[in-house]
């Protein structure tokens, strides 16, 4: 497995170097990941794993997802694999994103009368971080909606985007129409690889 990742990384890094040279706007992820890092995480995603933070609903009323640039590359790699797309395809490069994205997934136990108005992050010992923008995203590879990956990754309504999140433990606060829910995110949560494919 490690040898396969090294081979893919070498091949894809060359492809992504050309992508950055020829079309700097093709993906904003290069501002956070080098071409080699992007290629490595895409290759990890081919194994249907990603360093995606998932905070289960047992800690509160909602599931929370935090997607770093590395996690995004791995999720895109997994999606491309499930959709039989080449990792150096233009649609894959376009699907990559910079920054950190945070969103919630409703579960059967989530209250139906609660809406998420805003999400903030407080790094351990730091100041509260506010999102730079809020958007509704459905993950596409090129012109095709993603499939083969778990549903909470396919549609993020709403997705709160943070340009940067420091390393270490965090507190994620959900500001809702009924109050504030706080979730603790550990360093172990952030380092863990989770399975992102349906099969």
N, C-alpha and C. Protein backbone atom coordinates (compact mmCIF):
# COMPACT_ATOMS: atom_id res chain seq x y z
N UNK A 1 0.83 -1.21 0.00
CA UNK A 1 0.00 0.00 0.00
C UNK A 1 0.87 1.26 0.00
N UNK A 2 1.90 1.29 0.85
CA UNK A 2 2.77 2.46 0.92
C UNK A 2 3.52 2.66 -0.39
N UNK A 3 3.95 1.54 -1.02
CA UNK A 3 4.65 1.66 -2.29
C UNK A 3 3.71 2.21 -3.36
N UNK A 4 2.46 1.76 -3.34
CA UNK A 4 1.47 2.24 -4.31
C UNK A 4 1.22 3.72 -4.15
N UNK A 5 1.12 4.19 -2.91
CA UNK A 5 0.91 5.61 -2.65
C UNK A 5 2.10 6.42 -3.13
N UNK A 6 3.33 5.91 -2.90
CA UNK A 6 4.52 6.63 -3.36
C UNK A 6 4.54 6.74 -4.88
N UNK A 7 4.16 5.66 -5.57
CA UNK A 7 4.14 5.70 -7.03
C UNK A 7 3.10 6.68 -7.54
N UNK A 8 1.91 6.64 -6.95
CA UNK A 8 0.85 7.56 -7.36
C UNK A 8 1.23 8.99 -7.06
N UNK A 9 1.85 9.21 -5.91
CA UNK A 9 2.25 10.56 -5.53
C UNK A 9 3.22 11.13 -6.53
N UNK A 10 4.20 10.33 -6.95
CA UNK A 10 5.19 10.81 -7.91
C UNK A 10 4.53 11.18 -9.23
N UNK A 11 3.63 10.32 -9.71
CA UNK A 11 2.96 10.57 -10.99
C UNK A 11 2.05 11.78 -10.91
N UNK A 12 1.24 11.83 -9.85
CA UNK A 12 0.26 12.90 -9.73
C UNK A 12 0.90 14.24 -9.43
N UNK A 13 2.00 14.23 -8.69
CA UNK A 13 2.66 15.50 -8.37
C UNK A 13 3.09 16.20 -9.64
N UNK A 14 3.58 15.43 -10.63
CA UNK A 14 3.97 16.03 -11.91
C UNK A 14 2.76 16.62 -12.59
N UNK A 15 1.65 15.88 -12.58
CA UNK A 15 0.43 16.37 -13.22
C UNK A 15 -0.07 17.64 -12.55
N UNK A 16 -0.02 17.67 -11.22
CA UNK A 16 -0.51 18.85 -10.51
C UNK A 16 0.44 20.02 -10.63
N UNK A 17 1.72 19.78 -10.78
CA UNK A 17 2.66 20.88 -11.04
C UNK A 17 2.32 21.55 -12.35
N UNK A 18 2.01 20.74 -13.39
CA UNK A 18 1.61 21.33 -14.66
C UNK A 18 0.29 22.07 -14.52
N UNK A 19 -0.63 21.52 -13.71
CA UNK A 19 -1.92 22.18 -13.53
C UNK A 19 -1.76 23.55 -12.90
N UNK A 20 -0.86 23.65 -11.91
CA UNK A 20 -0.63 24.93 -11.25
C UNK A 20 0.01 25.92 -12.21
N UNK A 21 0.97 25.44 -13.03
CA UNK A 21 1.66 26.32 -13.96
C UNK A 21 0.72 26.83 -15.05
N UNK A 22 -0.11 25.92 -15.59
CA UNK A 22 -0.94 26.28 -16.73
C UNK A 22 -2.23 26.98 -16.35
N UNK A 23 -2.76 26.71 -15.15
CA UNK A 23 -4.05 27.29 -14.78
C UNK A 23 -4.07 27.48 -13.28
N UNK A 24 -3.61 28.62 -12.82
CA UNK A 24 -3.49 28.87 -11.39
C UNK A 24 -4.84 28.94 -10.71
N UNK A 25 -5.91 29.19 -11.48
CA UNK A 25 -7.25 29.29 -10.89
C UNK A 25 -7.98 27.97 -10.87
N UNK A 26 -7.33 26.90 -11.36
CA UNK A 26 -8.02 25.61 -11.45
C UNK A 26 -8.41 25.10 -10.08
N UNK A 27 -7.59 25.36 -9.06
CA UNK A 27 -7.93 24.93 -7.72
C UNK A 27 -7.26 25.81 -6.70
N UNK A 28 -8.07 26.29 -5.76
CA UNK A 28 -7.52 27.15 -4.72
C UNK A 28 -6.75 26.35 -3.68
N UNK A 29 -6.84 25.00 -3.73
CA UNK A 29 -6.19 24.18 -2.70
C UNK A 29 -4.69 24.33 -2.73
N UNK A 30 -4.10 24.72 -3.85
CA UNK A 30 -2.66 24.83 -3.90
C UNK A 30 -2.12 25.90 -2.96
N UNK A 31 -2.96 26.83 -2.53
CA UNK A 31 -2.53 27.84 -1.56
C UNK A 31 -2.25 27.21 -0.20
N UNK A 32 -2.80 26.03 0.06
CA UNK A 32 -2.63 25.37 1.36
C UNK A 32 -1.84 24.07 1.27
N UNK A 33 -1.91 23.37 0.15
CA UNK A 33 -1.20 22.12 -0.02
C UNK A 33 -0.25 22.26 -1.21
N UNK A 34 0.92 21.67 -1.09
CA UNK A 34 1.82 21.61 -2.23
C UNK A 34 1.28 20.58 -3.22
N UNK A 35 1.73 20.60 -4.46
CA UNK A 35 1.29 19.56 -5.40
C UNK A 35 1.58 18.15 -4.89
N UNK A 36 2.73 17.98 -4.23
CA UNK A 36 3.07 16.66 -3.70
C UNK A 36 2.09 16.25 -2.60
N UNK A 37 1.74 17.18 -1.72
CA UNK A 37 0.78 16.88 -0.65
C UNK A 37 -0.59 16.56 -1.22
N UNK A 38 -1.01 17.36 -2.20
CA UNK A 38 -2.30 17.13 -2.84
C UNK A 38 -2.34 15.74 -3.45
N UNK A 39 -1.29 15.38 -4.18
CA UNK A 39 -1.24 14.06 -4.82
C UNK A 39 -1.26 12.95 -3.78
N UNK A 40 -0.53 13.15 -2.68
CA UNK A 40 -0.48 12.11 -1.64
C UNK A 40 -1.86 11.88 -1.01
N UNK A 41 -2.59 12.97 -0.72
CA UNK A 41 -3.90 12.81 -0.10
C UNK A 41 -4.95 12.30 -1.08
N UNK A 42 -4.81 12.66 -2.35
CA UNK A 42 -5.68 12.06 -3.36
C UNK A 42 -5.48 10.54 -3.39
N UNK A 43 -4.22 10.12 -3.32
CA UNK A 43 -3.91 8.69 -3.34
C UNK A 43 -4.45 8.00 -2.09
N UNK A 44 -4.34 8.65 -0.93
CA UNK A 44 -4.93 8.08 0.29
C UNK A 44 -6.43 7.91 0.12
N UNK A 45 -7.07 8.90 -0.51
CA UNK A 45 -8.51 8.83 -0.73
C UNK A 45 -8.92 7.67 -1.60
N UNK A 46 -8.03 7.21 -2.46
CA UNK A 46 -8.36 6.05 -3.29
C UNK A 46 -8.62 4.81 -2.45
N UNK A 47 -8.11 4.81 -1.23
CA UNK A 47 -8.41 3.72 -0.31
C UNK A 47 -9.66 3.97 0.50
N UNK A 48 -10.43 5.02 0.10
CA UNK A 48 -11.71 5.37 0.73
C UNK A 48 -11.55 5.87 2.17
N UNK A 49 -10.38 6.43 2.48
CA UNK A 49 -10.18 7.00 3.81
C UNK A 49 -9.78 8.47 3.67
N UNK A 50 -10.09 9.24 4.71
CA UNK A 50 -9.75 10.67 4.69
C UNK A 50 -9.57 11.14 6.13
N UNK A 51 -8.67 12.14 6.33
CA UNK A 51 -8.49 12.72 7.68
C UNK A 51 -9.60 13.72 7.97
N UNK A 52 -10.82 13.26 7.87
CA UNK A 52 -12.01 14.09 8.05
C UNK A 52 -12.48 13.98 9.49
N UNK A 53 -12.73 15.11 10.11
CA UNK A 53 -13.22 15.08 11.49
C UNK A 53 -14.73 14.87 11.48
N UNK A 54 -15.16 13.84 12.18
CA UNK A 54 -16.60 13.58 12.36
C UNK A 54 -16.88 13.49 13.85
N UNK A 55 -17.67 14.42 14.34
CA UNK A 55 -18.06 14.42 15.75
C UNK A 55 -19.47 13.84 15.83
N UNK A 56 -19.61 12.65 16.41
CA UNK A 56 -20.91 11.98 16.37
C UNK A 56 -21.97 12.69 17.19
N UNK A 57 -23.21 12.37 16.88
CA UNK A 57 -24.35 13.04 17.51
C UNK A 57 -24.44 12.75 19.01
N UNK A 58 -23.76 11.70 19.49
CA UNK A 58 -23.82 11.39 20.92
C UNK A 58 -23.29 12.54 21.76
N UNK A 59 -22.47 13.40 21.18
CA UNK A 59 -21.93 14.53 21.93
C UNK A 59 -22.86 15.75 21.87
N UNK A 60 -23.93 15.67 21.12
CA UNK A 60 -24.87 16.77 20.99
C UNK A 60 -26.02 16.35 20.10
N UNK A 61 -26.77 17.32 19.58
CA UNK A 61 -27.95 17.01 18.78
C UNK A 61 -27.63 16.76 17.32
N UNK A 62 -26.43 17.13 16.88
CA UNK A 62 -26.07 17.03 15.47
C UNK A 62 -24.72 16.34 15.30
N UNK A 63 -24.51 15.80 14.10
CA UNK A 63 -23.18 15.37 13.71
C UNK A 63 -22.44 16.56 13.11
N UNK A 64 -21.17 16.72 13.45
CA UNK A 64 -20.38 17.82 12.90
C UNK A 64 -19.25 17.24 12.06
N UNK A 65 -19.00 17.87 10.91
CA UNK A 65 -17.90 17.49 10.04
C UNK A 65 -16.97 18.68 9.86
N UNK A 66 -15.67 18.42 9.91
CA UNK A 66 -14.64 19.44 9.65
C UNK A 66 -13.73 18.89 8.57
N UNK A 67 -13.66 19.62 7.46
CA UNK A 67 -12.88 19.17 6.31
C UNK A 67 -11.72 20.14 6.07
N UNK A 68 -10.51 19.67 6.28
CA UNK A 68 -9.30 20.44 6.02
C UNK A 68 -8.95 20.33 4.54
N UNK A 69 -7.96 21.09 4.04
CA UNK A 69 -7.52 20.89 2.65
C UNK A 69 -7.07 19.45 2.38
N UNK A 70 -6.38 18.84 3.34
CA UNK A 70 -5.95 17.45 3.17
C UNK A 70 -7.15 16.51 3.10
N UNK A 71 -8.12 16.74 3.98
CA UNK A 71 -9.32 15.91 3.97
C UNK A 71 -10.09 16.10 2.67
N UNK A 72 -10.15 17.34 2.18
CA UNK A 72 -10.85 17.60 0.92
C UNK A 72 -10.20 16.82 -0.22
N UNK A 73 -8.87 16.85 -0.28
CA UNK A 73 -8.18 16.12 -1.33
C UNK A 73 -8.47 14.63 -1.24
N UNK A 74 -8.47 14.08 -0.04
CA UNK A 74 -8.75 12.65 0.14
C UNK A 74 -10.20 12.33 -0.22
N UNK A 75 -11.14 13.18 0.16
CA UNK A 75 -12.55 12.97 -0.18
C UNK A 75 -12.74 13.02 -1.70
N UNK A 76 -12.09 13.97 -2.34
CA UNK A 76 -12.17 14.06 -3.80
C UNK A 76 -11.55 12.82 -4.45
N UNK A 77 -10.42 12.36 -3.89
CA UNK A 77 -9.80 11.14 -4.41
C UNK A 77 -10.71 9.93 -4.28
N UNK A 78 -11.40 9.82 -3.15
CA UNK A 78 -12.33 8.72 -2.93
C UNK A 78 -13.51 8.81 -3.90
N UNK A 79 -14.03 10.02 -4.06
CA UNK A 79 -15.17 10.21 -4.96
C UNK A 79 -14.80 9.88 -6.39
N UNK A 80 -13.63 10.37 -6.83
CA UNK A 80 -13.18 10.08 -8.18
C UNK A 80 -13.03 8.57 -8.40
N UNK A 81 -12.50 7.88 -7.40
CA UNK A 81 -12.33 6.43 -7.51
C UNK A 81 -13.68 5.73 -7.63
N UNK A 82 -14.63 6.12 -6.80
CA UNK A 82 -15.96 5.50 -6.84
C UNK A 82 -16.69 5.81 -8.15
N UNK A 83 -16.34 6.96 -8.76
CA UNK A 83 -16.99 7.37 -10.00
C UNK A 83 -16.15 7.03 -11.23
N UNK A 84 -15.05 6.28 -11.02
CA UNK A 84 -14.18 5.83 -12.10
C UNK A 84 -13.62 7.00 -12.91
N UNK A 85 -13.19 8.05 -12.18
CA UNK A 85 -12.58 9.22 -12.80
C UNK A 85 -11.08 9.21 -12.53
N UNK A 86 -10.28 9.65 -13.49
CA UNK A 86 -8.84 9.74 -13.29
C UNK A 86 -8.52 10.86 -12.31
N UNK A 87 -7.51 10.65 -11.46
CA UNK A 87 -7.17 11.65 -10.45
C UNK A 87 -6.57 12.92 -11.04
N UNK A 88 -6.06 12.84 -12.26
CA UNK A 88 -5.51 14.05 -12.87
C UNK A 88 -6.50 14.73 -13.82
N UNK A 89 -7.77 14.33 -13.76
CA UNK A 89 -8.80 14.94 -14.60
C UNK A 89 -9.07 16.37 -14.15
N UNK A 90 -9.50 17.20 -15.09
CA UNK A 90 -9.78 18.61 -14.78
C UNK A 90 -10.87 18.73 -13.72
N UNK A 91 -11.88 17.85 -13.77
CA UNK A 91 -12.96 17.91 -12.79
C UNK A 91 -12.50 17.65 -11.38
N UNK A 92 -11.48 16.80 -11.23
CA UNK A 92 -10.91 16.53 -9.91
C UNK A 92 -10.19 17.76 -9.40
N UNK A 93 -9.39 18.40 -10.24
CA UNK A 93 -8.68 19.61 -9.81
C UNK A 93 -9.66 20.71 -9.40
N UNK A 94 -10.75 20.83 -10.16
CA UNK A 94 -11.74 21.86 -9.86
C UNK A 94 -12.43 21.60 -8.53
N UNK A 95 -12.61 20.33 -8.17
CA UNK A 95 -13.32 19.99 -6.93
C UNK A 95 -12.50 20.26 -5.68
N UNK A 96 -11.18 20.40 -5.82
CA UNK A 96 -10.34 20.68 -4.66
C UNK A 96 -10.61 22.09 -4.15
N UNK A 97 -10.46 22.28 -2.84
CA UNK A 97 -10.74 23.58 -2.23
C UNK A 97 -9.69 23.88 -1.18
N UNK A 98 -9.45 25.18 -0.94
CA UNK A 98 -8.58 25.55 0.16
C UNK A 98 -9.41 25.80 1.40
N UNK A 99 -8.74 26.17 2.48
CA UNK A 99 -9.45 26.51 3.71
C UNK A 99 -10.05 25.29 4.40
N UNK A 100 -10.83 25.57 5.42
CA UNK A 100 -11.49 24.55 6.22
C UNK A 100 -13.00 24.76 6.11
N UNK A 101 -13.72 23.67 5.95
CA UNK A 101 -15.17 23.73 5.84
C UNK A 101 -15.80 22.96 7.00
N UNK A 102 -16.79 23.57 7.62
CA UNK A 102 -17.48 22.95 8.76
C UNK A 102 -18.97 22.95 8.47
N UNK A 103 -19.62 21.82 8.68
CA UNK A 103 -21.06 21.75 8.49
C UNK A 103 -21.63 20.70 9.43
N UNK A 104 -22.94 20.70 9.53
CA UNK A 104 -23.61 19.72 10.40
C UNK A 104 -24.48 18.81 9.55
N UNK A 105 -24.71 17.62 10.06
CA UNK A 105 -25.63 16.68 9.45
C UNK A 105 -26.70 16.35 10.47
N UNK A 106 -27.94 16.47 10.03
CA UNK A 106 -29.06 16.12 10.90
C UNK A 106 -29.17 14.60 11.00
N UNK A 107 -29.54 14.12 12.16
CA UNK A 107 -29.73 12.69 12.39
C UNK A 107 -31.19 12.48 12.80
N UNK A 108 -31.64 11.23 12.87
CA UNK A 108 -33.02 10.98 13.29
C UNK A 108 -33.36 11.56 14.67
N UNK A 109 -32.33 11.75 15.51
CA UNK A 109 -32.59 12.29 16.85
C UNK A 109 -32.43 13.81 16.92
N UNK A 110 -32.05 14.44 15.82
CA UNK A 110 -31.87 15.90 15.82
C UNK A 110 -33.24 16.58 15.92
N UNK A 111 -33.35 17.63 16.73
CA UNK A 111 -34.63 18.36 16.83
C UNK A 111 -34.98 19.04 15.51
N UNK A 112 -36.21 18.90 15.09
CA UNK A 112 -36.62 19.45 13.79
C UNK A 112 -36.88 20.95 13.83
N UNK A 113 -37.01 21.50 15.04
CA UNK A 113 -37.31 22.94 15.15
C UNK A 113 -36.06 23.79 15.36
N UNK A 114 -34.88 23.18 15.26
CA UNK A 114 -33.63 23.90 15.49
C UNK A 114 -32.92 24.13 14.17
N UNK A 115 -32.52 25.36 13.91
CA UNK A 115 -31.78 25.69 12.70
C UNK A 115 -30.42 26.26 13.08
N UNK A 116 -29.42 25.97 12.26
CA UNK A 116 -28.06 26.46 12.49
C UNK A 116 -27.93 27.84 11.86
N UNK A 117 -27.65 28.83 12.68
CA UNK A 117 -27.50 30.20 12.17
C UNK A 117 -26.04 30.56 11.89
N UNK A 118 -25.14 29.98 12.67
CA UNK A 118 -23.72 30.30 12.51
C UNK A 118 -22.89 29.25 13.23
N UNK A 119 -21.67 29.02 12.75
CA UNK A 119 -20.73 28.14 13.42
C UNK A 119 -19.45 28.92 13.67
N UNK A 120 -18.93 28.83 14.89
CA UNK A 120 -17.65 29.45 15.21
C UNK A 120 -16.71 28.39 15.79
N UNK A 121 -15.42 28.69 15.75
CA UNK A 121 -14.39 27.78 16.25
C UNK A 121 -13.50 28.53 17.23
N UNK A 122 -13.21 27.90 18.36
CA UNK A 122 -12.25 28.47 19.29
C UNK A 122 -11.10 27.47 19.47
N UNK A 123 -9.91 27.79 18.93
CA UNK A 123 -8.75 26.93 19.18
C UNK A 123 -8.41 26.93 20.67
N UNK A 124 -7.79 25.88 21.13
CA UNK A 124 -7.41 25.79 22.53
C UNK A 124 -6.49 26.96 22.90
N UNK A 125 -6.91 27.77 23.86
CA UNK A 125 -6.13 28.91 24.31
C UNK A 125 -6.14 30.09 23.36
N UNK A 126 -7.01 30.06 22.35
CA UNK A 126 -7.04 31.13 21.35
C UNK A 126 -8.36 31.88 21.32
N UNK A 127 -8.46 32.78 20.35
CA UNK A 127 -9.65 33.58 20.18
C UNK A 127 -10.66 32.87 19.28
N UNK A 128 -11.90 33.28 19.40
CA UNK A 128 -12.96 32.70 18.57
C UNK A 128 -12.74 33.08 17.11
N UNK A 129 -12.84 32.08 16.23
CA UNK A 129 -12.72 32.31 14.79
C UNK A 129 -14.10 32.37 14.17
N UNK A 130 -14.31 33.39 13.34
CA UNK A 130 -15.58 33.54 12.63
C UNK A 130 -15.43 33.02 11.20
N UNK A 131 -16.48 32.46 10.62
CA UNK A 131 -16.37 31.98 9.24
C UNK A 131 -16.21 33.15 8.27
N UNK A 132 -15.41 32.93 7.22
CA UNK A 132 -15.21 33.96 6.21
C UNK A 132 -16.39 34.02 5.25
N UNK A 133 -17.04 32.88 5.05
CA UNK A 133 -18.22 32.86 4.19
C UNK A 133 -19.06 31.64 4.51
N UNK A 134 -20.30 31.71 4.04
CA UNK A 134 -21.24 30.60 4.22
C UNK A 134 -21.80 30.27 2.85
N UNK A 135 -21.87 28.99 2.55
CA UNK A 135 -22.39 28.62 1.23
C UNK A 135 -23.13 27.30 1.31
N UNK A 136 -23.82 26.99 0.26
CA UNK A 136 -24.46 25.70 0.09
C UNK A 136 -23.68 24.96 -0.98
N UNK A 137 -23.16 23.79 -0.64
CA UNK A 137 -22.34 23.07 -1.60
C UNK A 137 -22.85 21.65 -1.79
N UNK A 138 -22.92 21.26 -3.06
CA UNK A 138 -23.12 19.86 -3.41
C UNK A 138 -21.86 19.43 -4.16
N UNK A 139 -21.16 18.43 -3.65
CA UNK A 139 -19.88 18.03 -4.19
C UNK A 139 -20.03 17.44 -5.59
N UNK A 140 -19.35 18.05 -6.54
CA UNK A 140 -19.35 17.58 -7.92
C UNK A 140 -17.93 17.21 -8.33
N UNK A 141 -17.82 16.23 -9.22
CA UNK A 141 -16.57 15.95 -9.91
C UNK A 141 -16.82 16.33 -11.36
N UNK A 142 -16.33 17.47 -11.76
CA UNK A 142 -16.66 17.99 -13.09
C UNK A 142 -18.10 18.43 -13.12
N UNK A 143 -18.88 17.88 -14.03
CA UNK A 143 -20.29 18.25 -14.17
C UNK A 143 -21.23 17.21 -13.56
N UNK A 144 -20.66 16.24 -12.87
CA UNK A 144 -21.45 15.13 -12.34
C UNK A 144 -21.50 15.18 -10.82
N UNK A 145 -22.70 15.11 -10.26
CA UNK A 145 -22.85 15.08 -8.81
C UNK A 145 -22.19 13.84 -8.25
N UNK A 146 -21.56 13.97 -7.08
CA UNK A 146 -20.82 12.86 -6.50
C UNK A 146 -21.75 11.72 -6.11
N UNK A 147 -21.22 10.51 -6.21
CA UNK A 147 -21.91 9.35 -5.67
C UNK A 147 -20.85 8.34 -5.24
N UNK A 148 -21.30 7.39 -4.40
CA UNK A 148 -20.37 6.40 -3.89
C UNK A 148 -19.74 6.76 -2.56
N UNK A 149 -19.94 8.01 -2.09
CA UNK A 149 -19.43 8.41 -0.78
C UNK A 149 -20.61 8.67 0.14
N UNK A 150 -20.34 8.74 1.44
CA UNK A 150 -21.43 8.85 2.41
C UNK A 150 -22.19 10.17 2.22
N UNK A 151 -23.48 10.13 2.46
CA UNK A 151 -24.37 11.25 2.15
C UNK A 151 -23.97 12.58 2.79
N UNK A 152 -23.54 12.62 4.05
CA UNK A 152 -23.20 13.93 4.63
C UNK A 152 -22.07 14.66 3.91
N UNK A 153 -21.27 13.95 3.11
CA UNK A 153 -20.19 14.60 2.36
C UNK A 153 -20.67 15.11 1.01
N UNK A 154 -21.77 14.61 0.54
CA UNK A 154 -22.24 14.96 -0.81
C UNK A 154 -22.96 16.30 -0.83
N UNK A 155 -23.70 16.59 0.22
CA UNK A 155 -24.48 17.84 0.27
C UNK A 155 -24.26 18.51 1.61
N UNK A 156 -23.76 19.75 1.57
CA UNK A 156 -23.45 20.48 2.81
C UNK A 156 -24.29 21.74 2.84
N UNK A 157 -25.39 21.70 3.56
CA UNK A 157 -26.31 22.84 3.62
C UNK A 157 -26.53 23.20 5.10
N UNK A 158 -25.93 24.19 5.62
CA UNK A 158 -24.99 25.13 5.06
C UNK A 158 -23.57 24.74 5.43
N UNK A 159 -22.62 25.25 4.65
CA UNK A 159 -21.22 24.97 4.89
C UNK A 159 -20.52 26.27 5.28
N UNK A 160 -19.84 26.26 6.43
CA UNK A 160 -19.17 27.45 6.94
C UNK A 160 -17.68 27.32 6.65
N UNK A 161 -17.11 28.32 5.97
CA UNK A 161 -15.74 28.23 5.48
C UNK A 161 -14.82 29.13 6.30
N UNK A 162 -13.73 28.53 6.80
CA UNK A 162 -12.72 29.24 7.58
C UNK A 162 -11.41 29.20 6.79
N UNK A 163 -10.76 30.35 6.57
CA UNK A 163 -9.51 30.35 5.81
C UNK A 163 -8.42 29.50 6.45
N UNK A 164 -8.40 29.45 7.77
CA UNK A 164 -7.33 28.76 8.48
C UNK A 164 -7.82 28.34 9.86
N UNK A 165 -7.38 27.18 10.31
CA UNK A 165 -7.70 26.70 11.65
C UNK A 165 -6.40 26.15 12.25
N UNK A 166 -5.93 26.68 13.39
CA UNK A 166 -4.67 26.22 13.98
C UNK A 166 -4.73 24.74 14.37
N UNK A 167 -3.57 24.13 14.49
CA UNK A 167 -3.47 22.74 14.93
C UNK A 167 -3.88 22.64 16.39
N UNK A 168 -4.20 21.42 16.82
CA UNK A 168 -4.53 21.19 18.22
C UNK A 168 -6.02 21.05 18.45
N UNK A 169 -6.38 20.99 19.74
CA UNK A 169 -7.77 20.83 20.12
C UNK A 169 -8.60 22.08 19.82
N UNK A 170 -9.91 21.86 19.64
CA UNK A 170 -10.82 22.94 19.29
C UNK A 170 -12.12 22.82 20.06
N UNK A 171 -12.83 23.94 20.11
CA UNK A 171 -14.23 23.91 20.52
C UNK A 171 -15.05 24.49 19.38
N UNK A 172 -15.98 23.69 18.88
CA UNK A 172 -16.87 24.14 17.81
C UNK A 172 -18.21 24.52 18.43
N UNK A 173 -18.66 25.74 18.14
CA UNK A 173 -19.92 26.22 18.71
C UNK A 173 -20.96 26.36 17.60
N UNK A 174 -22.10 25.71 17.80
CA UNK A 174 -23.22 25.86 16.88
C UNK A 174 -24.17 26.90 17.45
N UNK A 175 -24.32 28.01 16.75
CA UNK A 175 -25.23 29.06 17.17
C UNK A 175 -26.56 28.80 16.47
N UNK A 176 -27.57 28.43 17.26
CA UNK A 176 -28.85 28.05 16.70
C UNK A 176 -29.92 29.05 17.11
N UNK A 177 -31.12 28.84 16.59
CA UNK A 177 -32.24 29.71 16.94
C UNK A 177 -32.73 29.49 18.37
N UNK A 178 -32.20 28.45 19.05
CA UNK A 178 -32.61 28.18 20.43
C UNK A 178 -31.46 28.30 21.43
N UNK A 179 -30.27 28.66 20.96
CA UNK A 179 -29.13 28.79 21.87
C UNK A 179 -27.84 28.31 21.21
N UNK A 180 -26.85 27.98 22.03
CA UNK A 180 -25.53 27.59 21.54
C UNK A 180 -25.21 26.17 22.02
N UNK A 181 -24.79 25.33 21.10
CA UNK A 181 -24.29 23.99 21.43
C UNK A 181 -22.79 23.98 21.22
N UNK A 182 -22.04 23.42 22.16
CA UNK A 182 -20.59 23.41 22.06
C UNK A 182 -20.09 21.97 21.98
N UNK A 183 -19.17 21.75 21.06
CA UNK A 183 -18.61 20.43 20.82
C UNK A 183 -17.10 20.49 20.97
N UNK A 184 -16.53 19.55 21.68
CA UNK A 184 -15.08 19.49 21.87
C UNK A 184 -14.48 18.60 20.80
N UNK A 185 -13.41 19.09 20.16
CA UNK A 185 -12.69 18.35 19.13
C UNK A 185 -11.26 18.16 19.62
N UNK A 186 -10.83 16.92 19.74
CA UNK A 186 -9.49 16.63 20.26
C UNK A 186 -8.48 16.52 19.11
N UNK A 187 -7.21 16.53 19.48
CA UNK A 187 -6.16 16.30 18.48
C UNK A 187 -6.31 14.92 17.85
N UNK A 188 -6.76 13.94 18.64
CA UNK A 188 -6.97 12.59 18.12
C UNK A 188 -8.09 12.59 17.08
N UNK A 189 -9.16 13.36 17.33
CA UNK A 189 -10.24 13.48 16.36
C UNK A 189 -9.71 14.00 15.02
N UNK A 190 -8.80 14.97 15.09
CA UNK A 190 -8.30 15.62 13.88
C UNK A 190 -7.30 14.75 13.12
N UNK A 191 -6.66 13.83 13.82
CA UNK A 191 -5.65 12.98 13.19
C UNK A 191 -6.24 11.69 12.62
N UNK A 192 -7.45 11.36 13.01
CA UNK A 192 -8.03 10.06 12.67
C UNK A 192 -8.45 10.00 11.19
N UNK A 193 -8.16 8.87 10.55
CA UNK A 193 -8.67 8.61 9.20
C UNK A 193 -9.98 7.86 9.32
N UNK A 194 -11.01 8.33 8.61
CA UNK A 194 -12.30 7.65 8.66
C UNK A 194 -12.67 7.17 7.25
N UNK A 195 -13.53 6.18 7.19
CA UNK A 195 -13.98 5.66 5.90
C UNK A 195 -15.05 6.59 5.34
N UNK A 196 -14.92 6.92 4.05
CA UNK A 196 -15.85 7.90 3.46
C UNK A 196 -16.66 7.32 2.30
N UNK A 197 -16.41 6.07 1.93
CA UNK A 197 -17.16 5.45 0.83
C UNK A 197 -18.34 4.65 1.38
N UNK A 198 -19.35 4.47 0.55
CA UNK A 198 -20.52 3.71 0.97
C UNK A 198 -20.25 2.21 1.02
N UNK A 199 -19.32 1.75 0.23
CA UNK A 199 -19.09 0.30 0.18
C UNK A 199 -17.63 -0.02 0.49
